Amino acid sequence: MDSAKVEQLALKPLEPELAKIQSVHSKKELIRLMAHLRKIGVQLPFSFYVRPDQKNAKRHLLYISQSGLGLPDRDYYLRASEKFKQFRQQYADYIGQIFKLTKIENGQ
């Protein structure tokens, strides 16, 4: 991997995709964007797949499931212990850094 080139380019290769994300202003545009992102391999907030029906193996069904969480499981989002509060704060700081690096103001 040419890490010097990666550092030099920074987010330049992602700018077209980030512009597409910033340009979404309707549900219809969001659906188109999500289809595009899925097509290029970007993880979405949910995933879907077809597999045999769990109650009738002679037919197939579309299954939809949660996807794309940044933290390992629900405990990291909901537990009240100091350990999990610290994980949430670190995660929020990380997301803030991502917004800063992508020059997205106020997470929008």
PDB file of N, CA and C in Angstrom:
ATOM      1  N   MET A   1       0.845  -1.174   0.000  1.00  0.00           N
ATOM      2  CA  MET A   1       0.000   0.000   0.000  1.00  0.00           C
ATOM      3  C   MET A   1       0.889   1.235   0.000  1.00  0.00           C
ATOM      4  N   ASP A   2       0.542   2.177  -0.820  1.00  0.00           N
ATOM      5  CA  ASP A   2       1.292   3.424  -0.919  1.00  0.00           C
ATOM      6  C   ASP A   2       0.722   4.414   0.100  1.00  0.00           C
ATOM      7  N   SER A   3       1.174   4.287   1.357  1.00  0.00           N
ATOM      8  CA  SER A   3       0.613   5.114   2.429  1.00  0.00           C
ATOM      9  C   SER A   3       0.923   6.594   2.232  1.00  0.00           C
ATOM     10  N   ALA A   4       2.042   6.919   1.610  1.00  0.00           N
ATOM     11  CA  ALA A   4       2.358   8.325   1.336  1.00  0.00           C
ATOM     12  C   ALA A   4       1.316   8.919   0.388  1.00  0.00           C
ATOM     13  N   LYS A   5       0.938   8.155  -0.623  1.00  0.00           N
ATOM     14  CA  LYS A   5      -0.078   8.616  -1.579  1.00  0.00           C
ATOM     15  C   LYS A   5      -1.441   8.756  -0.894  1.00  0.00           C
ATOM     16  N   VAL A   6      -1.758   7.811  -0.021  1.00  0.00           N
ATOM     17  CA  VAL A   6      -3.018   7.878   0.730  1.00  0.00           C
ATOM     18  C   VAL A   6      -3.057   9.152   1.559  1.00  0.00           C
ATOM     19  N   GLU A   7      -1.980   9.444   2.250  1.00  0.00           N
ATOM     20  CA  GLU A   7      -1.904  10.669   3.066  1.00  0.00           C
ATOM     21  C   GLU A   7      -2.008  11.911   2.191  1.00  0.00           C
ATOM     22  N   GLN A   8      -1.366  11.886   1.048  1.00  0.00           N
ATOM     23  CA  GLN A   8      -1.387  13.032   0.134  1.00  0.00           C
ATOM     24  C   GLN A   8      -2.801  13.287  -0.391  1.00  0.00           C
ATOM     25  N   LEU A   9      -3.492  12.220  -0.787  1.00  0.00           N
ATOM     26  CA  LEU A   9      -4.838  12.364  -1.348  1.00  0.00           C
ATOM     27  C   LEU A   9      -5.886  12.680  -0.285  1.00  0.00           C
ATOM     28  N   ALA A  10      -5.649  12.233   0.940  1.00  0.00           N
ATOM     29  CA  ALA A  10      -6.589  12.438   2.052  1.00  0.00           C
ATOM     30  C   ALA A  10      -7.988  11.988   1.620  1.00  0.00           C
ATOM     31  N   LEU A  11      -8.978  12.864   1.703  1.00  0.00           N
ATOM     32  CA  LEU A  11     -10.361  12.503   1.362  1.00  0.00           C
ATOM     33  C   LEU A  11     -10.727  12.792  -0.090  1.00  0.00           C
ATOM     34  N   LYS A  12      -9.787  13.260  -0.880  1.00  0.00           N
ATOM     35  CA  LYS A  12     -10.075  13.627  -2.273  1.00  0.00           C
ATOM     36  C   LYS A  12     -10.821  12.526  -3.034  1.00  0.00           C
ATOM     37  N   PRO A  13     -10.397  11.258  -2.950  1.00  0.00           N
ATOM     38  CA  PRO A  13     -11.137  10.216  -3.686  1.00  0.00           C
ATOM     39  C   PRO A  13     -12.586  10.045  -3.226  1.00  0.00           C
ATOM     40  N   LEU A  14     -12.889  10.425  -1.997  1.00  0.00           N
ATOM     41  CA  LEU A  14     -14.250  10.273  -1.473  1.00  0.00           C
ATOM     42  C   LEU A  14     -15.146  11.481  -1.742  1.00  0.00           C
ATOM     43  N   GLU A  15     -14.589  12.569  -2.214  1.00  0.00           N
ATOM     44  CA  GLU A  15     -15.377  13.795  -2.382  1.00  0.00           C
ATOM     45  C   GLU A  15     -16.629  13.613  -3.232  1.00  0.00           C
ATOM     46  N   PRO A  16     -16.576  12.870  -4.357  1.00  0.00           N
ATOM     47  CA  PRO A  16     -17.824  12.679  -5.122  1.00  0.00           C
ATOM     48  C   PRO A  16     -18.913  11.963  -4.312  1.00  0.00           C
ATOM     49  N   GLU A  17     -18.526  10.962  -3.537  1.00  0.00           N
ATOM     50  CA  GLU A  17     -19.512  10.235  -2.725  1.00  0.00           C
ATOM     51  C   GLU A  17     -20.048  11.120  -1.601  1.00  0.00           C
ATOM     52  N   LEU A  18     -19.182  11.882  -0.959  1.00  0.00           N
ATOM     53  CA  LEU A  18     -19.622  12.791   0.101  1.00  0.00           C
ATOM     54  C   LEU A  18     -20.564  13.857  -0.454  1.00  0.00           C
ATOM     55  N   ALA A  19     -20.289  14.329  -1.668  1.00  0.00           N
ATOM     56  CA  ALA A  19     -21.174  15.311  -2.307  1.00  0.00           C
ATOM     57  C   ALA A  19     -22.553  14.707  -2.566  1.00  0.00           C
ATOM     58  N   LYS A  20     -22.589  13.447  -2.980  1.00  0.00           N
ATOM     59  CA  LYS A  20     -23.878  12.779  -3.195  1.00  0.00           C
ATOM     60  C   LYS A  20     -24.662  12.701  -1.889  1.00  0.00           C
ATOM     61  N   ILE A  21     -23.980  12.364  -0.810  1.00  0.00           N
ATOM     62  CA  ILE A  21     -24.633  12.274   0.498  1.00  0.00           C
ATOM     63  C   ILE A  21     -25.177  13.636   0.909  1.00  0.00           C
ATOM     64  N   GLN A  22     -24.380  14.680   0.742  1.00  0.00           N
ATOM     65  CA  GLN A  22     -24.801  16.038   1.135  1.00  0.00           C
ATOM     66  C   GLN A  22     -25.958  16.552   0.288  1.00  0.00           C
ATOM     67  N   SER A  23     -26.124  16.017  -0.919  1.00  0.00           N
ATOM     68  CA  SER A  23     -27.153  16.550  -1.825  1.00  0.00           C
ATOM     69  C   SER A  23     -28.529  15.924  -1.613  1.00  0.00           C
ATOM     70  N   VAL A  24     -28.653  14.969  -0.703  1.00  0.00           N
ATOM     71  CA  VAL A  24     -29.942  14.306  -0.473  1.00  0.00           C
ATOM     72  C   VAL A  24     -30.885  15.239   0.296  1.00  0.00           C
ATOM     73  N   HIS A  25     -32.062  15.470  -0.295  1.00  0.00           N
ATOM     74  CA  HIS A  25     -33.045  16.346   0.340  1.00  0.00           C
ATOM     75  C   HIS A  25     -34.454  15.758   0.378  1.00  0.00           C
ATOM     76  N   SER A  26     -34.598  14.513  -0.066  1.00  0.00           N
ATOM     77  CA  SER A  26     -35.921  13.889  -0.041  1.00  0.00           C
ATOM     78  C   SER A  26     -35.771  12.386   0.199  1.00  0.00           C
ATOM     79  N   LYS A  27     -36.884  11.764   0.538  1.00  0.00           N
ATOM     80  CA  LYS A  27     -36.871  10.316   0.747  1.00  0.00           C
ATOM     81  C   LYS A  27     -36.505   9.587  -0.547  1.00  0.00           C
ATOM     82  N   LYS A  28     -37.027  10.082  -1.650  1.00  0.00           N
ATOM     83  CA  LYS A  28     -36.744   9.452  -2.945  1.00  0.00           C
ATOM     84  C   LYS A  28     -35.246   9.516  -3.252  1.00  0.00           C
ATOM     85  N   GLU A  29     -34.625  10.659  -2.987  1.00  0.00           N
ATOM     86  CA  GLU A  29     -33.177  10.796  -3.209  1.00  0.00           C
ATOM     87  C   GLU A  29     -32.402   9.891  -2.250  1.00  0.00           C
ATOM     88  N   LEU A  30     -32.887   9.749  -1.026  1.00  0.00           N
ATOM     89  CA  LEU A  30     -32.229   8.883  -0.045  1.00  0.00           C
ATOM     90  C   LEU A  30     -32.263   7.428  -0.506  1.00  0.00           C
ATOM     91  N   ILE A  31     -33.387   6.995  -1.042  1.00  0.00           N
ATOM     92  CA  ILE A  31     -33.507   5.628  -1.543  1.00  0.00           C
ATOM     93  C   ILE A  31     -32.522   5.395  -2.689  1.00  0.00           C
ATOM     94  N   ARG A  32     -32.431   6.357  -3.593  1.00  0.00           N
ATOM     95  CA  ARG A  32     -31.471   6.227  -4.701  1.00  0.00           C
ATOM     96  C   ARG A  32     -30.032   6.173  -4.179  1.00  0.00           C
ATOM     97  N   LEU A  33     -29.735   7.034  -3.224  1.00  0.00           N
ATOM     98  CA  LEU A  33     -28.385   7.052  -2.654  1.00  0.00           C
ATOM     99  C   LEU A  33     -28.077   5.718  -1.975  1.00  0.00           C
ATOM    100  N   MET A  34     -29.013   5.197  -1.199  1.00  0.00           N
ATOM    101  CA  MET A  34     -28.783   3.938  -0.503  1.00  0.00           C
ATOM    102  C   MET A  34     -28.564   2.800  -1.504  1.00  0.00           C
ATOM    103  N   ALA A  35     -29.297   2.798  -2.605  1.00  0.00           N
ATOM    104  CA  ALA A  35     -29.091   1.777  -3.636  1.00  0.00           C
ATOM    105  C   ALA A  35     -27.689   1.908  -4.224  1.00  0.00           C
ATOM    106  N   HIS A  36     -27.287   3.124  -4.503  1.00  0.00           N
ATOM    107  CA  HIS A  36     -25.935   3.366  -5.042  1.00  0.00           C
ATOM    108  C   HIS A  36     -24.864   2.912  -4.047  1.00  0.00           C
ATOM    109  N   LEU A  37     -25.012   3.296  -2.785  1.00  0.00           N
ATOM    110  CA  LEU A  37     -24.020   2.929  -1.773  1.00  0.00           C
ATOM    111  C   LEU A  37     -23.941   1.416  -1.608  1.00  0.00           C
ATOM    112  N   ARG A  38     -25.076   0.774  -1.591  1.00  0.00           N
ATOM    113  CA  ARG A  38     -25.108  -0.692  -1.471  1.00  0.00           C
ATOM    114  C   ARG A  38     -24.379  -1.332  -2.652  1.00  0.00           C
ATOM    115  N   LYS A  39     -24.605  -0.769  -3.837  1.00  0.00           N
ATOM    116  CA  LYS A  39     -23.997  -1.301  -5.055  1.00  0.00           C
ATOM    117  C   LYS A  39     -22.468  -1.201  -5.016  1.00  0.00           C
ATOM    118  N   ILE A  40     -21.940  -0.151  -4.388  1.00  0.00           N
ATOM    119  CA  ILE A  40     -20.480   0.017  -4.342  1.00  0.00           C
ATOM    120  C   ILE A  40     -19.867  -0.563  -3.066  1.00  0.00           C
ATOM    121  N   GLY A  41     -20.687  -1.241  -2.257  1.00  0.00           N
ATOM    122  CA  GLY A  41     -20.167  -1.967  -1.103  1.00  0.00           C
ATOM    123  C   GLY A  41     -20.136  -1.222   0.209  1.00  0.00           C
ATOM    124  N   VAL A  42     -20.872  -0.132   0.321  1.00  0.00           N
ATOM    125  CA  VAL A  42     -20.933   0.622   1.574  1.00  0.00           C
ATOM    126  C   VAL A  42     -22.005   0.015   2.472  1.00  0.00           C
ATOM    127  N   GLN A  43     -21.661  -0.187   3.726  1.00  0.00           N
ATOM    128  CA  GLN A  43     -22.614  -0.762   4.678  1.00  0.00           C
ATOM    129  C   GLN A  43     -23.704   0.261   5.011  1.00  0.00           C
ATOM    130  N   LEU A  44     -24.948  -0.184   5.014  1.00  0.00           N
ATOM    131  CA  LEU A  44     -26.102   0.669   5.297  1.00  0.00           C
ATOM    132  C   LEU A  44     -26.623   0.392   6.705  1.00  0.00           C
ATOM    133  N   PRO A  45     -27.570   1.198   7.193  1.00  0.00           N
ATOM    134  CA  PRO A  45     -28.119   0.968   8.532  1.00  0.00           C
ATOM    135  C   PRO A  45     -28.888  -0.348   8.666  1.00  0.00           C
ATOM    136  N   PHE A  46     -29.259  -0.948   7.548  1.00  0.00           N
ATOM    137  CA  PHE A  46     -29.924  -2.241   7.580  1.00  0.00           C
ATOM    138  C   PHE A  46     -29.438  -3.059   6.392  1.00  0.00           C
ATOM    139  N   SER A  47     -29.587  -4.355   6.506  1.00  0.00           N
ATOM    140  CA  SER A  47     -29.232  -5.219   5.391  1.00  0.00           C
ATOM    141  C   SER A  47     -30.433  -6.079   5.041  1.00  0.00           C
ATOM    142  N   PHE A  48     -30.428  -6.596   3.847  1.00  0.00           N
ATOM    143  CA  PHE A  48     -31.513  -7.466   3.431  1.00  0.00           C
ATOM    144  C   PHE A  48     -30.945  -8.600   2.601  1.00  0.00           C
ATOM    145  N   TYR A  49     -31.607  -9.715   2.664  1.00  0.00           N
ATOM    146  CA  TYR A  49     -31.147 -10.904   1.962  1.00  0.00           C
ATOM    147  C   TYR A  49     -32.318 -11.855   1.781  1.00  0.00           C
ATOM    148  N   VAL A  50     -32.180 -12.761   0.843  1.00  0.00           N
ATOM    149  CA  VAL A  50     -33.198 -13.777   0.580  1.00  0.00           C
ATOM    150  C   VAL A  50     -32.655 -15.118   1.047  1.00  0.00           C
ATOM    151  N   ARG A  51     -33.505 -15.846   1.762  1.00  0.00           N
ATOM    152  CA  ARG A  51     -33.131 -17.188   2.219  1.00  0.00           C
ATOM    153  C   ARG A  51     -34.410 -18.002   2.417  1.00  0.00           C
ATOM    154  N   PRO A  52     -34.266 -19.303   2.621  1.00  0.00           N
ATOM    155  CA  PRO A  52     -35.468 -20.117   2.812  1.00  0.00           C
ATOM    156  C   PRO A  52     -36.283 -19.648   4.025  1.00  0.00           C
ATOM    157  N   ASP A  53     -37.573 -19.695   3.860  1.00  0.00           N
ATOM    158  CA  ASP A  53     -38.505 -19.372   4.944  1.00  0.00           C
ATOM    159  C   ASP A  53     -38.209 -20.296   6.128  1.00  0.00           C
ATOM    160  N   GLN A  54     -38.117 -19.751   7.316  1.00  0.00           N
ATOM    161  CA  GLN A  54     -37.808 -20.548   8.496  1.00  0.00           C
ATOM    162  C   GLN A  54     -38.941 -21.513   8.865  1.00  0.00           C
ATOM    163  N   LYS A  55     -40.141 -21.237   8.377  1.00  0.00           N
ATOM    164  CA  LYS A  55     -41.283 -22.097   8.706  1.00  0.00           C
ATOM    165  C   LYS A  55     -41.717 -22.978   7.532  1.00  0.00           C
ATOM    166  N   ASN A  56     -41.207 -22.672   6.341  1.00  0.00           N
ATOM    167  CA  ASN A  56     -41.583 -23.441   5.160  1.00  0.00           C
ATOM    168  C   ASN A  56     -40.411 -23.408   4.181  1.00  0.00           C
ATOM    169  N   ALA A  57     -39.567 -24.420   4.226  1.00  0.00           N
ATOM    170  CA  ALA A  57     -38.336 -24.455   3.419  1.00  0.00           C
ATOM    171  C   ALA A  57     -38.600 -24.547   1.921  1.00  0.00           C
ATOM    172  N   LYS A  58     -39.858 -24.717   1.522  1.00  0.00           N
ATOM    173  CA  LYS A  58     -40.176 -24.793   0.093  1.00  0.00           C
ATOM    174  C   LYS A  58     -40.272 -23.420  -0.556  1.00  0.00           C
ATOM    175  N   ARG A  59     -40.217 -22.372   0.236  1.00  0.00           N
ATOM    176  CA  ARG A  59     -40.278 -21.020  -0.336  1.00  0.00           C
ATOM    177  C   ARG A  59     -39.174 -20.158   0.262  1.00  0.00           C
ATOM    178  N   HIS A  60     -38.867 -19.075  -0.432  1.00  0.00           N
ATOM    179  CA  HIS A  60     -37.851 -18.132   0.016  1.00  0.00           C
ATOM    180  C   HIS A  60     -38.511 -16.805   0.376  1.00  0.00           C
ATOM    181  N   LEU A  61     -37.920 -16.132   1.359  1.00  0.00           N
ATOM    182  CA  LEU A  61     -38.440 -14.842   1.814  1.00  0.00           C
ATOM    183  C   LEU A  61     -37.329 -13.794   1.840  1.00  0.00           C
ATOM    184  N   LEU A  62     -37.737 -12.545   1.785  1.00  0.00           N
ATOM    185  CA  LEU A  62     -36.809 -11.439   1.966  1.00  0.00           C
ATOM    186  C   LEU A  62     -36.711 -11.157   3.462  1.00  0.00           C
ATOM    187  N   TYR A  63     -35.508 -11.163   3.991  1.00  0.00           N
ATOM    188  CA  TYR A  63     -35.270 -10.855   5.397  1.00  0.00           C
ATOM    189  C   TYR A  63     -34.571  -9.511   5.483  1.00  0.00           C
ATOM    190  N   ILE A  64     -34.952  -8.708   6.446  1.00  0.00           N
ATOM    191  CA  ILE A  64     -34.335  -7.405   6.686  1.00  0.00           C
ATOM    192  C   ILE A  64     -33.824  -7.410   8.122  1.00  0.00           C
ATOM    193  N   SER A  65     -32.587  -6.958   8.297  1.00  0.00           N
ATOM    194  CA  SER A  65     -32.027  -6.933   9.641  1.00  0.00           C
ATOM    195  C   SER A  65     -31.226  -5.658   9.870  1.00  0.00           C
ATOM    196  N   GLN A  66     -31.031  -5.368  11.123  1.00  0.00           N
ATOM    197  CA  GLN A  66     -30.234  -4.216  11.538  1.00  0.00           C
ATOM    198  C   GLN A  66     -28.793  -4.433  11.098  1.00  0.00           C
ATOM    199  N   SER A  67     -28.157  -3.372  10.708  1.00  0.00           N
ATOM    200  CA  SER A  67     -26.775  -3.466  10.256  1.00  0.00           C
ATOM    201  C   SER A  67     -26.080  -2.145  10.519  1.00  0.00           C
ATOM    202  N   GLY A  68     -24.801  -2.164  10.432  1.00  0.00           N
ATOM    203  CA  GLY A  68     -24.060  -0.915  10.435  1.00  0.00           C
ATOM    204  C   GLY A  68     -23.904  -0.221  11.773  1.00  0.00           C
ATOM    205  N   LEU A  69     -24.100  -0.927  12.896  1.00  0.00           N
ATOM    206  CA  LEU A  69     -23.846  -0.298  14.181  1.00  0.00           C
ATOM    207  C   LEU A  69     -22.345  -0.074  14.331  1.00  0.00           C
ATOM    208  N   GLY A  70     -21.972   1.026  14.950  1.00  0.00           N
ATOM    209  CA  GLY A  70     -20.563   1.305  15.149  1.00  0.00           C
ATOM    210  C   GLY A  70     -19.980   0.631  16.367  1.00  0.00           C
ATOM    211  N   LEU A  71     -20.817   0.365  17.338  1.00  0.00           N
ATOM    212  CA  LEU A  71     -20.373  -0.311  18.554  1.00  0.00           C
ATOM    213  C   LEU A  71     -20.808  -1.773  18.501  1.00  0.00           C
ATOM    214  N   PRO A  72     -20.140  -2.650  19.240  1.00  0.00           N
ATOM    215  CA  PRO A  72     -20.368  -4.093  19.090  1.00  0.00           C
ATOM    216  C   PRO A  72     -21.797  -4.598  19.303  1.00  0.00           C
ATOM    217  N   ASP A  73     -22.523  -4.112  20.308  1.00  0.00           N
ATOM    218  CA  ASP A  73     -23.888  -4.590  20.530  1.00  0.00           C
ATOM    219  C   ASP A  73     -24.669  -3.582  21.360  1.00  0.00           C
ATOM    220  N   ARG A  74     -25.927  -3.902  21.649  1.00  0.00           N
ATOM    221  CA  ARG A  74     -26.841  -2.948  22.288  1.00  0.00           C
ATOM    222  C   ARG A  74     -26.376  -2.495  23.669  1.00  0.00           C
ATOM    223  N   ASP A  75     -25.640  -3.337  24.385  1.00  0.00           N
ATOM    224  CA  ASP A  75     -25.155  -2.944  25.712  1.00  0.00           C
ATOM    225  C   ASP A  75     -24.308  -1.673  25.650  1.00  0.00           C
ATOM    226  N   TYR A  76     -23.545  -1.547  24.598  1.00  0.00           N
ATOM    227  CA  TYR A  76     -22.683  -0.373  24.465  1.00  0.00           C
ATOM    228  C   TYR A  76     -23.499   0.917  24.325  1.00  0.00           C
ATOM    229  N   TYR A  77     -24.717   0.805  23.841  1.00  0.00           N
ATOM    230  CA  TYR A  77     -25.594   1.970  23.684  1.00  0.00           C
ATOM    231  C   TYR A  77     -26.475   2.210  24.904  1.00  0.00           C
ATOM    232  N   LEU A  78     -26.802   1.162  25.659  1.00  0.00           N
ATOM    233  CA  LEU A  78     -27.839   1.277  26.684  1.00  0.00           C
ATOM    234  C   LEU A  78     -27.391   1.075  28.128  1.00  0.00           C
ATOM    235  N   ARG A  79     -26.344   0.342  28.377  1.00  0.00           N
ATOM    236  CA  ARG A  79     -25.937   0.078  29.767  1.00  0.00           C
ATOM    237  C   ARG A  79     -25.503   1.369  30.451  1.00  0.00           C
ATOM    238  N   ALA A  80     -25.848   1.489  31.738  1.00  0.00           N
ATOM    239  CA  ALA A  80     -25.593   2.724  32.487  1.00  0.00           C
ATOM    240  C   ALA A  80     -24.249   2.740  33.213  1.00  0.00           C
ATOM    241  N   SER A  81     -23.503   1.653  33.189  1.00  0.00           N
ATOM    242  CA  SER A  81     -22.242   1.606  33.941  1.00  0.00           C
ATOM    243  C   SER A  81     -21.230   2.606  33.378  1.00  0.00           C
ATOM    244  N   GLU A  82     -20.298   2.994  34.215  1.00  0.00           N
ATOM    245  CA  GLU A  82     -19.272   3.963  33.803  1.00  0.00           C
ATOM    246  C   GLU A  82     -18.474   3.458  32.611  1.00  0.00           C
ATOM    247  N   LYS A  83     -18.206   2.166  32.595  1.00  0.00           N
ATOM    248  CA  LYS A  83     -17.441   1.578  31.493  1.00  0.00           C
ATOM    249  C   LYS A  83     -18.133   1.847  30.155  1.00  0.00           C
ATOM    250  N   PHE A  84     -19.451   1.605  30.101  1.00  0.00           N
ATOM    251  CA  PHE A  84     -20.183   1.802  28.854  1.00  0.00           C
ATOM    252  C   PHE A  84     -20.390   3.285  28.557  1.00  0.00           C
ATOM    253  N   LYS A  85     -20.540   4.109  29.583  1.00  0.00           N
ATOM    254  CA  LYS A  85     -20.619   5.558  29.366  1.00  0.00           C
ATOM    255  C   LYS A  85     -19.332   6.064  28.726  1.00  0.00           C
ATOM    256  N   GLN A  86     -18.205   5.523  29.180  1.00  0.00           N
ATOM    257  CA  GLN A  86     -16.911   5.920  28.622  1.00  0.00           C
ATOM    258  C   GLN A  86     -16.815   5.478  27.156  1.00  0.00           C
ATOM    259  N   PHE A  87     -17.263   4.269  26.850  1.00  0.00           N
ATOM    260  CA  PHE A  87     -17.261   3.803  25.456  1.00  0.00           C
ATOM    261  C   PHE A  87     -18.107   4.732  24.585  1.00  0.00           C
ATOM    262  N   ARG A  88     -19.292   5.116  25.085  1.00  0.00           N
ATOM    263  CA  ARG A  88     -20.170   6.002  24.307  1.00  0.00           C
ATOM    264  C   ARG A  88     -19.526   7.354  24.076  1.00  0.00           C
ATOM    265  N   GLN A  89     -18.861   7.897  25.090  1.00  0.00           N
ATOM    266  CA  GLN A  89     -18.203   9.190  24.935  1.00  0.00           C
ATOM    267  C   GLN A  89     -17.059   9.095  23.923  1.00  0.00           C
ATOM    268  N   GLN A  90     -16.290   8.038  24.001  1.00  0.00           N
ATOM    269  CA  GLN A  90     -15.193   7.840  23.048  1.00  0.00           C
ATOM    270  C   GLN A  90     -15.737   7.676  21.627  1.00  0.00           C
ATOM    271  N   TYR A  91     -16.856   6.985  21.519  1.00  0.00           N
ATOM    272  CA  TYR A  91     -17.469   6.806  20.205  1.00  0.00           C
ATOM    273  C   TYR A  91     -17.970   8.144  19.657  1.00  0.00           C
ATOM    274  N   ALA A  92     -18.605   8.940  20.501  1.00  0.00           N
ATOM    275  CA  ALA A  92     -19.075  10.266  20.080  1.00  0.00           C
ATOM    276  C   ALA A  92     -17.895  11.136  19.656  1.00  0.00           C
ATOM    277  N   ASP A  93     -16.798  11.078  20.387  1.00  0.00           N
ATOM    278  CA  ASP A  93     -15.596  11.828  20.018  1.00  0.00           C
ATOM    279  C   ASP A  93     -15.064  11.374  18.661  1.00  0.00           C
ATOM    280  N   TYR A  94     -15.082  10.067  18.449  1.00  0.00           N
ATOM    281  CA  TYR A  94     -14.621   9.497  17.178  1.00  0.00           C
ATOM    282  C   TYR A  94     -15.491   9.999  16.022  1.00  0.00           C
ATOM    283  N   ILE A  95     -16.803   9.939  16.188  1.00  0.00           N
ATOM    284  CA  ILE A  95     -17.712  10.412  15.135  1.00  0.00           C
ATOM    285  C   ILE A  95     -17.483  11.901  14.878  1.00  0.00           C
ATOM    286  N   GLY A  96     -17.287  12.676  15.949  1.00  0.00           N
ATOM    287  CA  GLY A  96     -16.983  14.097  15.792  1.00  0.00           C
ATOM    288  C   GLY A  96     -15.714  14.310  14.978  1.00  0.00           C
ATOM    289  N   GLN A  97     -14.706  13.483  15.218  1.00  0.00           N
ATOM    290  CA  GLN A  97     -13.466  13.580  14.455  1.00  0.00           C
ATOM    291  C   GLN A  97     -13.697  13.247  12.978  1.00  0.00           C
ATOM    292  N   ILE A  98     -14.550  12.265  12.724  1.00  0.00           N
ATOM    293  CA  ILE A  98     -14.882  11.918  11.334  1.00  0.00           C
ATOM    294  C   ILE A  98     -15.545  13.114  10.648  1.00  0.00           C
ATOM    295  N   PHE A  99     -16.500  13.754  11.336  1.00  0.00           N
ATOM    296  CA  PHE A  99     -17.156  14.928  10.759  1.00  0.00           C
ATOM    297  C   PHE A  99     -16.135  16.036  10.500  1.00  0.00           C
ATOM    298  N   LYS A 100     -15.225  16.229  11.416  1.00  0.00           N
ATOM    299  CA  LYS A 100     -14.200  17.256  11.258  1.00  0.00           C
ATOM    300  C   LYS A 100     -13.324  16.964  10.036  1.00  0.00           C
ATOM    301  N   LEU A 101     -12.896  15.717   9.904  1.00  0.00           N
ATOM    302  CA  LEU A 101     -12.033  15.342   8.786  1.00  0.00           C
ATOM    303  C   LEU A 101     -12.744  15.470   7.445  1.00  0.00           C
ATOM    304  N   THR A 102     -14.057  15.220   7.440  1.00  0.00           N
ATOM    305  CA  THR A 102     -14.816  15.317   6.186  1.00  0.00           C
ATOM    306  C   THR A 102     -15.380  16.710   5.971  1.00  0.00           C
ATOM    307  N   LYS A 103     -15.087  17.591   6.904  1.00  0.00           N
ATOM    308  CA  LYS A 103     -15.563  18.988   6.843  1.00  0.00           C
ATOM    309  C   LYS A 103     -17.089  19.085   6.828  1.00  0.00           C
ATOM    310  N   ILE A 104     -17.744  18.151   7.532  1.00  0.00           N
ATOM    311  CA  ILE A 104     -19.192  18.196   7.697  1.00  0.00           C
ATOM    312  C   ILE A 104     -19.469  18.947   8.985  1.00  0.00           C
ATOM    313  N   GLU A 105     -20.193  20.039   8.884  1.00  0.00           N
ATOM    314  CA  GLU A 105     -20.461  20.869  10.052  1.00  0.00           C
ATOM    315  C   GLU A 105     -21.698  20.381  10.795  1.00  0.00           C
ATOM    316  N   ASN A 106     -21.621  20.339  12.124  1.00  0.00           N
ATOM    317  CA  ASN A 106     -22.735  19.962  12.999  1.00  0.00           C
ATOM    318  C   ASN A 106     -23.328  18.601  12.664  1.00  0.00           C
ATOM    319  N   GLY A 107     -22.529  17.717  12.097  1.00  0.00           N
ATOM    320  CA  GLY A 107     -23.016  16.380  11.794  1.00  0.00           C
ATOM    321  C   GLY A 107     -24.109  16.352  10.751  1.00  0.00           C
ATOM    322  N   GLN A 108     -24.166  17.382   9.911  1.00  0.00           N
ATOM    323  CA  GLN A 108     -25.222  17.429   8.877  1.00  0.00           C
ATOM    324  C   GLN A 108     -24.611  17.410   7.509  1.00  0.00           C
TER     325      GLN A 108
END
